Structures are given as C-alpha cells and as structure tokens.
Amino acid sequence: MPEFFDVIGRQRACRSFSDESVDDDTIARVLESATFAPSAENRQPWVFVVVRDPARRAAIGELTRRAWRGGGRAHSEGRLSPGLLADVDAGAEGGVASAPVLVVVGGDTTRSDRRVLDASVFPAIQNMLLAASALGLGSALTTLPLAFADELAEVVGLPPEVAALAVVPLGRPARPLSPPRRRPLAEKAHRETFGTPW
C-alpha cells in the first residue's frame, strides 16, 4: 500500500513537457485506469479523445491561450503566488499544448443526467492523473479551452450529445516535479460540526 500513497503524495500539475513521445500502451493504461472510476448509476459517461496530431494540439493550444488572455490571467492575478502564476501562465501560453498527447475528456449526455455529468466524469479524470503520475508521466487538468467549447468540439469532432469537460495533457515532464504543497489537514478537517478541530 505505501506505493499508492506515494503516488497520491507526489501527483501534481505539470505544465511543461519534453518532446519525448508516449506510446499507445502507456496511454491505454492511463485511460483504462480512468474507466474504473465511480459514476452515477454506473453509467460511465466518460469519453476520451486522444489527440497527437500537431495541428489539432496547436488548435487546442490556441483556444487555451485565447481563454487565458481573454480573462483567465486577469482572474488569476492577485489570487496566485507569483511563482504559481508564472507556471500557469507558461502552461496556458503554450506549455500545455506542447505535451505530446492531449486528451479531450467529454461526457456523454445520453448516458447521464446533465446535472450529475461532471460528478460522474471528474473522478475518471482524477484516476487519469494518478495513473499518469504512477507511470512517470506529467499531467494536468485544464478547463481553459472550454471557454470556446464549440470550437474545441469541432477540433476533435465531438457530436452534440458529448459535452467537452476538460483537457488533460500527458507527457514526460520537461524537468523533475517537486511534491505539491498542501495546507495542513488540521486547517481543512472538522469533527462532527464545522469549526470543531479534527
């Protein structure tokens, strides 16, 4: 069991990737891990579009950049530490799109009530992120391109009944990733009622 908790403890967003390719078997392991996530009524509404084509990745990168420049950066300035803002900025301006694989994650609205679609798909994304980390890949979850969801759907050919919910870049990190910083559990957990220390 220690390995499981080690993976959880080191999983963090990666926004800078090497140009080393990632083979289909590795991607399949990441995606298969996603399919073991829980979903409402076990409907499994997730859809994964694996994008390797440079032109499509560039198009998704441009949507990300437009969303960042069109309000994302302004929203984050003052909210993020300077170091994290610089990292997110570099990712939005092209780092994420430089990953050798972008997975557009969608939700099939014919398999789930739209009100619970996100709750049924995001656990699968978390499984993807953990599996990627366990396999030595960098990954992240971004929703910036969803500011232009119709254009994103067109880039990857999503039918109208599949809603784009996130983009997950996958690849070898350009540099080693340090463990994520987290607030102490005592600040986040309560016993019985809110405000009663854990």
N, C-alpha and C. Protein backbone atom coordinates (compact mmCIF):
# COMPACT_ATOMS: atom_id res chain seq x y z
N MET A 1 0.79 -1.23 0.00
CA MET A 1 0.00 0.00 0.00
C MET A 1 0.82 1.29 0.00
N PRO A 2 2.04 1.29 0.54
CA PRO A 2 2.76 2.57 0.58
C PRO A 2 2.89 3.22 -0.80
N GLU A 3 3.06 2.40 -1.85
CA GLU A 3 3.24 2.97 -3.19
C GLU A 3 2.03 3.79 -3.60
N PHE A 4 0.83 3.33 -3.25
CA PHE A 4 -0.39 4.07 -3.58
C PHE A 4 -0.35 5.46 -2.96
N PHE A 5 -0.01 5.54 -1.68
CA PHE A 5 0.02 6.83 -1.01
C PHE A 5 1.19 7.69 -1.48
N ASP A 6 2.27 7.05 -1.91
CA ASP A 6 3.38 7.80 -2.50
C ASP A 6 2.93 8.49 -3.79
N VAL A 7 2.18 7.76 -4.61
CA VAL A 7 1.68 8.34 -5.87
C VAL A 7 0.77 9.53 -5.56
N ILE A 8 -0.15 9.36 -4.63
CA ILE A 8 -1.05 10.46 -4.27
C ILE A 8 -0.24 11.66 -3.77
N GLY A 9 0.77 11.39 -2.96
CA GLY A 9 1.56 12.47 -2.38
C GLY A 9 2.44 13.22 -3.35
N ARG A 10 2.72 12.63 -4.51
CA ARG A 10 3.58 13.34 -5.47
C ARG A 10 2.84 13.80 -6.72
N GLN A 11 1.55 13.44 -6.87
CA GLN A 11 0.81 13.86 -8.06
C GLN A 11 0.59 15.36 -8.03
N ARG A 12 0.98 16.03 -9.08
CA ARG A 12 0.80 17.47 -9.18
C ARG A 12 0.69 17.88 -10.64
N ALA A 13 0.21 19.08 -10.87
CA ALA A 13 0.05 19.57 -12.23
C ALA A 13 1.41 19.77 -12.89
N CYS A 14 1.51 19.31 -14.13
CA CYS A 14 2.70 19.52 -14.95
C CYS A 14 2.28 20.36 -16.15
N ARG A 15 3.00 21.45 -16.37
CA ARG A 15 2.65 22.35 -17.47
C ARG A 15 3.79 22.58 -18.44
N SER A 16 4.83 21.76 -18.31
CA SER A 16 5.99 21.88 -19.18
C SER A 16 6.47 20.46 -19.50
N PHE A 17 6.48 20.12 -20.79
CA PHE A 17 6.72 18.74 -21.21
C PHE A 17 7.92 18.63 -22.14
N SER A 18 8.59 17.48 -22.07
CA SER A 18 9.63 17.19 -23.04
C SER A 18 8.96 16.77 -24.34
N ASP A 19 9.73 16.67 -25.41
CA ASP A 19 9.14 16.26 -26.68
C ASP A 19 9.20 14.74 -26.88
N GLU A 20 9.57 14.01 -25.82
CA GLU A 20 9.60 12.54 -25.89
C GLU A 20 8.19 12.01 -26.10
N SER A 21 8.05 11.10 -27.03
CA SER A 21 6.72 10.56 -27.31
C SER A 21 6.28 9.59 -26.20
N VAL A 22 4.99 9.35 -26.15
CA VAL A 22 4.42 8.41 -25.20
C VAL A 22 3.69 7.35 -26.01
N ASP A 23 4.02 6.08 -25.78
CA ASP A 23 3.46 5.01 -26.62
C ASP A 23 2.00 4.75 -26.29
N ASP A 24 1.33 4.12 -27.22
CA ASP A 24 -0.10 3.83 -27.09
C ASP A 24 -0.41 2.94 -25.89
N ASP A 25 0.46 1.99 -25.59
CA ASP A 25 0.20 1.10 -24.45
C ASP A 25 0.16 1.88 -23.15
N THR A 26 1.04 2.84 -23.01
CA THR A 26 1.06 3.66 -21.79
C THR A 26 -0.20 4.52 -21.71
N ILE A 27 -0.56 5.13 -22.82
CA ILE A 27 -1.79 5.94 -22.84
C ILE A 27 -3.00 5.06 -22.52
N ALA A 28 -3.02 3.85 -23.08
CA ALA A 28 -4.14 2.94 -22.81
C ALA A 28 -4.23 2.60 -21.33
N ARG A 29 -3.09 2.44 -20.66
CA ARG A 29 -3.11 2.15 -19.22
C ARG A 29 -3.71 3.33 -18.45
N VAL A 30 -3.35 4.53 -18.85
CA VAL A 30 -3.90 5.72 -18.19
C VAL A 30 -5.42 5.77 -18.40
N LEU A 31 -5.84 5.57 -19.63
CA LEU A 31 -7.28 5.65 -19.93
C LEU A 31 -8.05 4.51 -19.28
N GLU A 32 -7.48 3.32 -19.28
CA GLU A 32 -8.17 2.21 -18.63
C GLU A 32 -8.33 2.46 -17.14
N SER A 33 -7.32 3.06 -16.52
CA SER A 33 -7.44 3.43 -15.10
C SER A 33 -8.62 4.37 -14.90
N ALA A 34 -8.80 5.27 -15.84
CA ALA A 34 -9.92 6.22 -15.74
C ALA A 34 -11.25 5.50 -15.73
N THR A 35 -11.36 4.42 -16.49
CA THR A 35 -12.64 3.73 -16.62
C THR A 35 -13.07 2.98 -15.37
N PHE A 36 -12.18 2.89 -14.38
CA PHE A 36 -12.54 2.22 -13.13
C PHE A 36 -13.06 3.20 -12.09
N ALA A 37 -13.27 4.43 -12.47
CA ALA A 37 -13.80 5.43 -11.55
C ALA A 37 -15.30 5.19 -11.33
N PRO A 38 -15.81 5.67 -10.20
CA PRO A 38 -17.25 5.58 -9.98
C PRO A 38 -17.99 6.60 -10.83
N SER A 39 -19.26 6.32 -11.11
CA SER A 39 -20.12 7.27 -11.82
C SER A 39 -21.55 7.03 -11.38
N ALA A 40 -22.38 8.06 -11.50
CA ALA A 40 -23.78 7.94 -11.10
C ALA A 40 -24.44 6.79 -11.86
N GLU A 41 -25.08 5.92 -11.13
CA GLU A 41 -25.77 4.75 -11.68
C GLU A 41 -24.85 3.86 -12.52
N ASN A 42 -23.54 4.00 -12.30
CA ASN A 42 -22.55 3.24 -13.06
C ASN A 42 -22.75 3.39 -14.57
N ARG A 43 -23.15 4.59 -14.99
CA ARG A 43 -23.44 4.83 -16.41
C ARG A 43 -22.18 5.07 -17.24
N GLN A 44 -21.07 5.37 -16.56
CA GLN A 44 -19.78 5.50 -17.25
C GLN A 44 -19.88 6.42 -18.47
N PRO A 45 -20.25 7.68 -18.27
CA PRO A 45 -20.50 8.55 -19.42
C PRO A 45 -19.25 9.20 -20.01
N TRP A 46 -18.09 8.85 -19.51
CA TRP A 46 -16.86 9.49 -19.99
C TRP A 46 -16.55 9.13 -21.43
N VAL A 47 -15.92 10.08 -22.10
CA VAL A 47 -15.46 9.92 -23.49
C VAL A 47 -14.06 10.53 -23.53
N PHE A 48 -13.12 9.83 -24.16
CA PHE A 48 -11.74 10.31 -24.25
C PHE A 48 -11.34 10.41 -25.71
N VAL A 49 -10.91 11.59 -26.14
CA VAL A 49 -10.37 11.76 -27.48
C VAL A 49 -8.88 12.04 -27.33
N VAL A 50 -8.06 11.10 -27.76
CA VAL A 50 -6.60 11.21 -27.65
C VAL A 50 -6.09 11.97 -28.86
N VAL A 51 -5.47 13.10 -28.62
CA VAL A 51 -5.01 13.97 -29.71
C VAL A 51 -3.49 14.00 -29.73
N ARG A 52 -2.92 13.49 -30.83
CA ARG A 52 -1.47 13.53 -31.04
C ARG A 52 -1.11 14.47 -32.20
N ASP A 53 -2.02 14.63 -33.14
CA ASP A 53 -1.76 15.42 -34.34
C ASP A 53 -1.30 16.83 -33.97
N PRO A 54 -0.14 17.27 -34.46
CA PRO A 54 0.38 18.58 -34.08
C PRO A 54 -0.57 19.74 -34.40
N ALA A 55 -1.26 19.67 -35.52
CA ALA A 55 -2.16 20.77 -35.89
C ALA A 55 -3.35 20.84 -34.92
N ARG A 56 -3.89 19.71 -34.54
CA ARG A 56 -5.01 19.71 -33.58
C ARG A 56 -4.54 20.18 -32.20
N ARG A 57 -3.35 19.69 -31.79
CA ARG A 57 -2.83 20.14 -30.50
C ARG A 57 -2.59 21.65 -30.51
N ALA A 58 -2.09 22.16 -31.62
CA ALA A 58 -1.87 23.60 -31.74
C ALA A 58 -3.19 24.36 -31.67
N ALA A 59 -4.23 23.82 -32.30
CA ALA A 59 -5.54 24.47 -32.26
C ALA A 59 -6.08 24.52 -30.83
N ILE A 60 -5.92 23.42 -30.10
CA ILE A 60 -6.36 23.40 -28.70
C ILE A 60 -5.51 24.36 -27.88
N GLY A 61 -4.22 24.40 -28.19
CA GLY A 61 -3.34 25.36 -27.51
C GLY A 61 -3.77 26.80 -27.76
N GLU A 62 -4.19 27.09 -28.97
CA GLU A 62 -4.64 28.45 -29.28
C GLU A 62 -5.93 28.80 -28.53
N LEU A 63 -6.84 27.86 -28.39
CA LEU A 63 -8.05 28.10 -27.60
C LEU A 63 -7.68 28.38 -26.14
N THR A 64 -6.73 27.62 -25.63
CA THR A 64 -6.26 27.81 -24.25
C THR A 64 -5.67 29.20 -24.09
N ARG A 65 -4.81 29.59 -25.02
CA ARG A 65 -4.17 30.91 -24.99
C ARG A 65 -5.21 32.02 -25.07
N ARG A 66 -6.18 31.88 -25.95
CA ARG A 66 -7.23 32.91 -26.08
C ARG A 66 -8.02 33.06 -24.78
N ALA A 67 -8.35 31.93 -24.16
CA ALA A 67 -9.10 32.00 -22.90
C ALA A 67 -8.26 32.63 -21.79
N TRP A 68 -6.99 32.31 -21.77
CA TRP A 68 -6.10 32.87 -20.75
C TRP A 68 -5.96 34.38 -20.95
N ARG A 69 -5.70 34.79 -22.19
CA ARG A 69 -5.54 36.22 -22.47
C ARG A 69 -6.86 36.98 -22.39
N GLY A 70 -7.97 36.26 -22.62
CA GLY A 70 -9.28 36.90 -22.63
C GLY A 70 -9.95 37.02 -21.28
N GLY A 71 -9.25 36.72 -20.21
CA GLY A 71 -9.82 36.88 -18.88
C GLY A 71 -9.27 35.93 -17.84
N GLY A 72 -8.72 34.81 -18.27
CA GLY A 72 -8.16 33.84 -17.32
C GLY A 72 -7.02 34.41 -16.51
N ARG A 73 -6.09 35.08 -17.20
CA ARG A 73 -4.94 35.66 -16.49
C ARG A 73 -5.41 36.73 -15.51
N ALA A 74 -6.29 37.60 -15.95
CA ALA A 74 -6.78 38.68 -15.08
C ALA A 74 -7.45 38.10 -13.84
N HIS A 75 -8.18 37.00 -14.01
CA HIS A 75 -8.84 36.35 -12.87
C HIS A 75 -7.82 35.79 -11.89
N SER A 76 -6.70 35.28 -12.39
CA SER A 76 -5.70 34.62 -11.54
C SER A 76 -4.71 35.59 -10.90
N GLU A 77 -4.48 36.73 -11.54
CA GLU A 77 -3.54 37.70 -10.98
C GLU A 77 -4.05 38.16 -9.62
N GLY A 78 -3.18 38.18 -8.65
CA GLY A 78 -3.56 38.59 -7.31
C GLY A 78 -4.12 37.44 -6.48
N ARG A 79 -4.52 36.36 -7.14
CA ARG A 79 -5.04 35.19 -6.43
C ARG A 79 -3.96 34.13 -6.27
N LEU A 80 -3.02 34.10 -7.21
CA LEU A 80 -1.95 33.10 -7.19
C LEU A 80 -0.64 33.73 -6.77
N SER A 81 0.21 32.93 -6.15
CA SER A 81 1.56 33.42 -5.82
C SER A 81 2.27 33.73 -7.13
N PRO A 82 3.27 34.62 -7.10
CA PRO A 82 3.99 34.94 -8.34
C PRO A 82 4.57 33.71 -9.04
N GLY A 83 5.11 32.77 -8.28
CA GLY A 83 5.69 31.58 -8.88
C GLY A 83 4.65 30.70 -9.55
N LEU A 84 3.52 30.51 -8.87
CA LEU A 84 2.46 29.68 -9.46
C LEU A 84 1.84 30.39 -10.67
N LEU A 85 1.66 31.71 -10.56
CA LEU A 85 1.12 32.45 -11.70
C LEU A 85 2.04 32.32 -12.92
N ALA A 86 3.34 32.40 -12.71
CA ALA A 86 4.29 32.26 -13.82
C ALA A 86 4.19 30.86 -14.43
N ASP A 87 4.03 29.84 -13.59
CA ASP A 87 3.91 28.46 -14.08
C ASP A 87 2.62 28.28 -14.88
N VAL A 88 1.52 28.78 -14.34
CA VAL A 88 0.23 28.67 -15.04
C VAL A 88 0.28 29.47 -16.34
N ASP A 89 0.88 30.66 -16.29
CA ASP A 89 1.00 31.49 -17.48
C ASP A 89 1.77 30.76 -18.58
N ALA A 90 2.91 30.16 -18.21
CA ALA A 90 3.71 29.43 -19.20
C ALA A 90 2.92 28.25 -19.77
N GLY A 91 2.15 27.58 -18.92
CA GLY A 91 1.34 26.46 -19.40
C GLY A 91 0.26 26.92 -20.35
N ALA A 92 -0.44 28.00 -19.99
CA ALA A 92 -1.53 28.50 -20.83
C ALA A 92 -1.03 29.09 -22.13
N GLU A 93 0.15 29.65 -22.11
CA GLU A 93 0.70 30.29 -23.31
C GLU A 93 1.35 29.29 -24.27
N GLY A 94 1.39 28.03 -23.91
CA GLY A 94 1.93 27.06 -24.85
C GLY A 94 2.48 25.79 -24.24
N GLY A 95 2.79 25.81 -22.95
CA GLY A 95 3.37 24.63 -22.33
C GLY A 95 2.46 23.43 -22.37
N VAL A 96 1.20 23.63 -22.07
CA VAL A 96 0.25 22.52 -22.07
C VAL A 96 0.11 21.95 -23.47
N ALA A 97 0.00 22.80 -24.46
CA ALA A 97 -0.16 22.34 -25.84
C ALA A 97 1.09 21.65 -26.38
N SER A 98 2.23 21.85 -25.69
CA SER A 98 3.46 21.19 -26.13
C SER A 98 3.54 19.74 -25.69
N ALA A 99 2.61 19.30 -24.86
CA ALA A 99 2.60 17.88 -24.47
C ALA A 99 2.39 17.03 -25.72
N PRO A 100 3.03 15.88 -25.79
CA PRO A 100 2.86 15.05 -26.98
C PRO A 100 1.47 14.46 -27.14
N VAL A 101 0.70 14.45 -26.05
CA VAL A 101 -0.66 13.92 -26.08
C VAL A 101 -1.57 14.87 -25.32
N LEU A 102 -2.68 15.23 -25.93
CA LEU A 102 -3.75 15.94 -25.24
C LEU A 102 -4.97 15.04 -25.27
N VAL A 103 -5.56 14.83 -24.10
CA VAL A 103 -6.78 14.04 -24.03
C VAL A 103 -7.93 15.00 -23.75
N VAL A 104 -8.83 15.11 -24.72
CA VAL A 104 -10.05 15.89 -24.51
C VAL A 104 -11.05 14.95 -23.85
N VAL A 105 -11.47 15.32 -22.65
CA VAL A 105 -12.38 14.48 -21.89
C VAL A 105 -13.78 15.05 -22.02
N GLY A 106 -14.69 14.20 -22.44
CA GLY A 106 -16.07 14.63 -22.60
C GLY A 106 -17.01 13.79 -21.76
N GLY A 107 -18.24 14.23 -21.71
CA GLY A 107 -19.29 13.50 -21.02
C GLY A 107 -20.45 13.28 -21.97
N ASP A 108 -20.89 12.06 -22.09
CA ASP A 108 -21.98 11.69 -22.99
C ASP A 108 -23.31 11.96 -22.28
N THR A 109 -24.02 12.97 -22.73
CA THR A 109 -25.27 13.38 -22.07
C THR A 109 -26.39 12.38 -22.28
N THR A 110 -26.23 11.42 -23.19
CA THR A 110 -27.24 10.38 -23.34
C THR A 110 -27.08 9.29 -22.30
N ARG A 111 -25.96 9.30 -21.59
CA ARG A 111 -25.68 8.28 -20.58
C ARG A 111 -25.77 8.83 -19.16
N SER A 112 -26.06 10.13 -19.03
CA SER A 112 -26.08 10.73 -17.70
C SER A 112 -26.93 11.98 -17.71
N ASP A 113 -27.61 12.20 -16.62
CA ASP A 113 -28.32 13.47 -16.43
C ASP A 113 -27.27 14.57 -16.40
N ARG A 114 -27.50 15.64 -17.13
CA ARG A 114 -26.50 16.72 -17.22
C ARG A 114 -26.15 17.29 -15.85
N ARG A 115 -27.09 17.22 -14.91
CA ARG A 115 -26.83 17.77 -13.57
C ARG A 115 -25.76 16.99 -12.81
N VAL A 116 -25.56 15.74 -13.16
CA VAL A 116 -24.54 14.94 -12.47
C VAL A 116 -23.41 14.50 -13.40
N LEU A 117 -23.39 15.04 -14.60
CA LEU A 117 -22.39 14.62 -15.58
C LEU A 117 -20.97 14.91 -15.08
N ASP A 118 -20.73 16.14 -14.61
CA ASP A 118 -19.39 16.47 -14.12
C ASP A 118 -18.98 15.54 -12.98
N ALA A 119 -19.90 15.31 -12.04
CA ALA A 119 -19.60 14.45 -10.90
C ALA A 119 -19.33 13.01 -11.32
N SER A 120 -19.82 12.62 -12.48
CA SER A 120 -19.59 11.27 -13.00
C SER A 120 -18.32 11.17 -13.83
N VAL A 121 -17.82 12.28 -14.33
CA VAL A 121 -16.63 12.24 -15.19
C VAL A 121 -15.36 12.66 -14.46
N PHE A 122 -15.45 13.61 -13.55
CA PHE A 122 -14.23 14.11 -12.90
C PHE A 122 -13.51 13.06 -12.06
N PRO A 123 -14.19 12.09 -11.43
CA PRO A 123 -13.43 11.01 -10.78
C PRO A 123 -12.57 10.23 -11.78
N ALA A 124 -13.06 10.05 -13.01
CA ALA A 124 -12.27 9.37 -14.03
C ALA A 124 -11.02 10.19 -14.37
N ILE A 125 -11.18 11.52 -14.41
CA ILE A 125 -10.02 12.37 -14.68
C ILE A 125 -9.00 12.25 -13.55
N GLN A 126 -9.47 12.22 -12.31
CA GLN A 126 -8.54 12.05 -11.19
C GLN A 126 -7.79 10.73 -11.31
N ASN A 127 -8.48 9.66 -11.70
CA ASN A 127 -7.78 8.39 -11.92
C ASN A 127 -6.72 8.53 -13.00
N MET A 128 -7.03 9.28 -14.06
CA MET A 128 -6.04 9.51 -15.12
C MET A 128 -4.81 10.19 -14.57
N LEU A 129 -5.01 11.23 -13.77
CA LEU A 129 -3.90 11.99 -13.23
C LEU A 129 -3.02 11.12 -12.34
N LEU A 130 -3.65 10.30 -11.50
CA LEU A 130 -2.89 9.41 -10.62
C LEU A 130 -2.16 8.34 -11.42
N ALA A 131 -2.83 7.76 -12.41
CA ALA A 131 -2.17 6.74 -13.23
C ALA A 131 -0.99 7.33 -13.98
N ALA A 132 -1.17 8.52 -14.52
CA ALA A 132 -0.06 9.18 -15.24
C ALA A 132 1.13 9.36 -14.31
N SER A 133 0.87 9.82 -13.11
CA SER A 133 1.95 10.02 -12.14
C SER A 133 2.63 8.70 -11.81
N ALA A 134 1.85 7.64 -11.60
CA ALA A 134 2.41 6.33 -11.28
C ALA A 134 3.30 5.81 -12.42
N LEU A 135 2.99 6.19 -13.65
CA LEU A 135 3.74 5.74 -14.81
C LEU A 135 4.88 6.68 -15.19
N GLY A 136 5.11 7.69 -14.36
CA GLY A 136 6.21 8.63 -14.63
C GLY A 136 5.88 9.72 -15.61
N LEU A 137 4.60 9.91 -15.91
CA LEU A 137 4.18 10.97 -16.82
C LEU A 137 3.79 12.22 -16.04
N GLY A 138 3.91 13.35 -16.69
CA GLY A 138 3.32 14.57 -16.17
C GLY A 138 1.93 14.72 -16.75
N SER A 139 1.07 15.39 -16.00
CA SER A 139 -0.30 15.61 -16.45
C SER A 139 -0.85 16.84 -15.74
N ALA A 140 -1.98 17.27 -16.20
CA ALA A 140 -2.68 18.39 -15.57
C ALA A 140 -4.13 18.31 -16.00
N LEU A 141 -4.95 19.10 -15.36
CA LEU A 141 -6.35 19.22 -15.75
C LEU A 141 -6.58 20.68 -16.07
N THR A 142 -7.01 20.97 -17.27
CA THR A 142 -7.34 22.36 -17.61
C THR A 142 -8.73 22.44 -18.21
N THR A 143 -9.41 23.50 -17.85
CA THR A 143 -10.73 23.76 -18.43
C THR A 143 -10.72 25.06 -19.22
N LEU A 144 -9.57 25.70 -19.34
CA LEU A 144 -9.50 26.95 -20.10
C LEU A 144 -10.08 26.85 -21.51
N PRO A 145 -9.77 25.78 -22.27
CA PRO A 145 -10.31 25.72 -23.64
C PRO A 145 -11.83 25.64 -23.69
N LEU A 146 -12.46 25.32 -22.57
CA LEU A 146 -13.93 25.21 -22.57
C LEU A 146 -14.60 26.57 -22.73
N ALA A 147 -13.83 27.64 -22.58
CA ALA A 147 -14.38 28.97 -22.88
C ALA A 147 -14.82 29.03 -24.34
N PHE A 148 -14.26 28.14 -25.15
CA PHE A 148 -14.61 28.05 -26.56
C PHE A 148 -15.01 26.61 -26.86
N ALA A 149 -15.97 26.11 -26.08
CA ALA A 149 -16.35 24.69 -26.13
C ALA A 149 -16.79 24.25 -27.52
N ASP A 150 -17.52 25.10 -28.23
CA ASP A 150 -17.98 24.71 -29.57
C ASP A 150 -16.79 24.52 -30.51
N GLU A 151 -15.82 25.42 -30.41
CA GLU A 151 -14.64 25.30 -31.26
C GLU A 151 -13.82 24.07 -30.89
N LEU A 152 -13.70 23.82 -29.59
CA LEU A 152 -12.98 22.63 -29.13
C LEU A 152 -13.66 21.37 -29.66
N ALA A 153 -14.99 21.33 -29.56
CA ALA A 153 -15.73 20.17 -30.05
C ALA A 153 -15.49 19.97 -31.55
N GLU A 154 -15.41 21.07 -32.28
CA GLU A 154 -15.17 20.97 -33.72
C GLU A 154 -13.77 20.43 -34.02
N VAL A 155 -12.78 20.87 -33.24
CA VAL A 155 -11.40 20.42 -33.47
C VAL A 155 -11.30 18.91 -33.36
N VAL A 156 -12.02 18.32 -32.40
CA VAL A 156 -11.90 16.87 -32.17
C VAL A 156 -13.13 16.09 -32.62
N GLY A 157 -14.08 16.76 -33.25
CA GLY A 157 -15.23 16.07 -33.82
C GLY A 157 -16.23 15.53 -32.82
N LEU A 158 -16.40 16.21 -31.69
CA LEU A 158 -17.39 15.74 -30.71
C LEU A 158 -18.80 15.93 -31.26
N PRO A 159 -19.65 14.92 -31.14
CA PRO A 159 -21.04 15.09 -31.55
C PRO A 159 -21.78 15.96 -30.53
N PRO A 160 -22.94 16.50 -30.88
CA PRO A 160 -23.66 17.42 -29.99
C PRO A 160 -23.99 16.83 -28.62
N GLU A 161 -24.17 15.52 -28.54
CA GLU A 161 -24.55 14.92 -27.26
C GLU A 161 -23.37 14.71 -26.31
N VAL A 162 -22.15 14.97 -26.78
CA VAL A 162 -20.97 14.83 -25.92
C VAL A 162 -20.45 16.23 -25.57
N ALA A 163 -20.50 16.53 -24.27
CA ALA A 163 -20.04 17.83 -23.78
C ALA A 163 -18.56 17.74 -23.41
N ALA A 164 -17.75 18.65 -23.94
CA ALA A 164 -16.34 18.73 -23.54
C ALA A 164 -16.29 19.22 -22.09
N LEU A 165 -15.51 18.54 -21.25
CA LEU A 165 -15.44 18.89 -19.83
C LEU A 165 -14.04 19.28 -19.37
N ALA A 166 -13.02 18.82 -20.07
CA ALA A 166 -11.65 19.13 -19.64
C ALA A 166 -10.68 18.71 -20.73
N VAL A 167 -9.46 19.21 -20.62
CA VAL A 167 -8.34 18.76 -21.44
C VAL A 167 -7.23 18.34 -20.48
N VAL A 168 -6.68 17.16 -20.73
CA VAL A 168 -5.60 16.62 -19.89
C VAL A 168 -4.37 16.41 -20.77
N PRO A 169 -3.32 17.21 -20.59
CA PRO A 169 -2.07 16.95 -21.31
C PRO A 169 -1.32 15.80 -20.64
N LEU A 170 -0.67 14.98 -21.45
CA LEU A 170 0.13 13.87 -20.94
C LEU A 170 1.47 13.86 -21.65
N GLY A 171 2.53 13.66 -20.89
CA GLY A 171 3.86 13.55 -21.47
C GLY A 171 4.90 13.47 -20.38
N ARG A 172 6.13 13.30 -20.79
CA ARG A 172 7.24 13.27 -19.82
C ARG A 172 7.50 14.72 -19.38
N PRO A 173 7.62 14.95 -18.08
CA PRO A 173 7.90 16.31 -17.61
C PRO A 173 9.22 16.84 -18.18
N ALA A 174 9.24 18.12 -18.49
CA ALA A 174 10.46 18.74 -19.01
C ALA A 174 11.53 18.82 -17.92
N ARG A 175 11.10 18.83 -16.66
CA ARG A 175 12.02 18.85 -15.53
C ARG A 175 11.36 18.09 -14.38
N PRO A 176 12.15 17.59 -13.44
CA PRO A 176 11.56 16.85 -12.32
C PRO A 176 10.52 17.70 -11.57
N LEU A 177 9.44 17.05 -11.16
CA LEU A 177 8.39 17.74 -10.43
C LEU A 177 8.59 17.54 -8.93
N SER A 178 8.53 18.63 -8.20
CA SER A 178 8.61 18.51 -6.74
C SER A 178 7.23 18.16 -6.21
N PRO A 179 7.16 17.61 -4.99
CA PRO A 179 5.83 17.30 -4.43
C PRO A 179 4.99 18.57 -4.30
N PRO A 180 3.68 18.44 -4.40
CA PRO A 180 2.82 19.62 -4.27
C PRO A 180 2.82 20.12 -2.83
N ARG A 181 2.61 21.42 -2.67
CA ARG A 181 2.46 21.99 -1.32
C ARG A 181 0.99 21.94 -0.95
N ARG A 182 0.71 21.51 0.26
CA ARG A 182 -0.67 21.41 0.72
C ARG A 182 -0.81 22.03 2.09
N ARG A 183 -1.97 22.61 2.35
CA ARG A 183 -2.28 23.14 3.66
C ARG A 183 -2.40 21.98 4.64
N PRO A 184 -2.10 22.20 5.91
CA PRO A 184 -2.22 21.11 6.89
C PRO A 184 -3.65 20.60 7.01
N LEU A 185 -3.79 19.31 7.21
CA LEU A 185 -5.10 18.69 7.36
C LEU A 185 -5.90 19.37 8.46
N ALA A 186 -5.24 19.78 9.51
CA ALA A 186 -5.95 20.39 10.65
C ALA A 186 -6.70 21.66 10.24
N GLU A 187 -6.27 22.31 9.16
CA GLU A 187 -6.96 23.51 8.68
C GLU A 187 -8.18 23.16 7.84
N LYS A 188 -8.27 21.93 7.38
CA LYS A 188 -9.32 21.56 6.43
C LYS A 188 -10.34 20.57 6.96
N ALA A 189 -10.01 19.88 8.03
CA ALA A 189 -10.89 18.83 8.54
C ALA A 189 -11.52 19.27 9.86
N HIS A 190 -12.77 18.90 10.04
CA HIS A 190 -13.55 19.26 11.23
C HIS A 190 -14.17 17.99 11.81
N ARG A 191 -14.41 18.02 13.11
CA ARG A 191 -15.03 16.86 13.77
C ARG A 191 -16.47 17.15 14.13
N GLU A 192 -17.37 16.40 13.55
CA GLU A 192 -18.80 16.48 13.82
C GLU A 192 -19.49 17.73 13.29
N THR A 193 -18.94 18.90 13.59
CA THR A 193 -19.51 20.16 13.08
C THR A 193 -18.38 21.06 12.61
N PHE A 194 -18.72 21.92 11.66
CA PHE A 194 -17.72 22.85 11.13
C PHE A 194 -17.17 23.72 12.26
N GLY A 195 -15.86 23.86 12.30
CA GLY A 195 -15.23 24.69 13.31
C GLY A 195 -14.71 23.92 14.50
N THR A 196 -15.14 22.66 14.65
CA THR A 196 -14.62 21.83 15.73
C THR A 196 -13.37 21.15 15.21
N PRO A 197 -12.20 21.42 15.80
CA PRO A 197 -10.95 20.88 15.25
C PRO A 197 -10.95 19.36 15.13
N TRP A 198 -10.35 18.89 14.08
CA TRP A 198 -10.19 17.47 13.85
C TRP A 198 -9.24 16.91 14.90
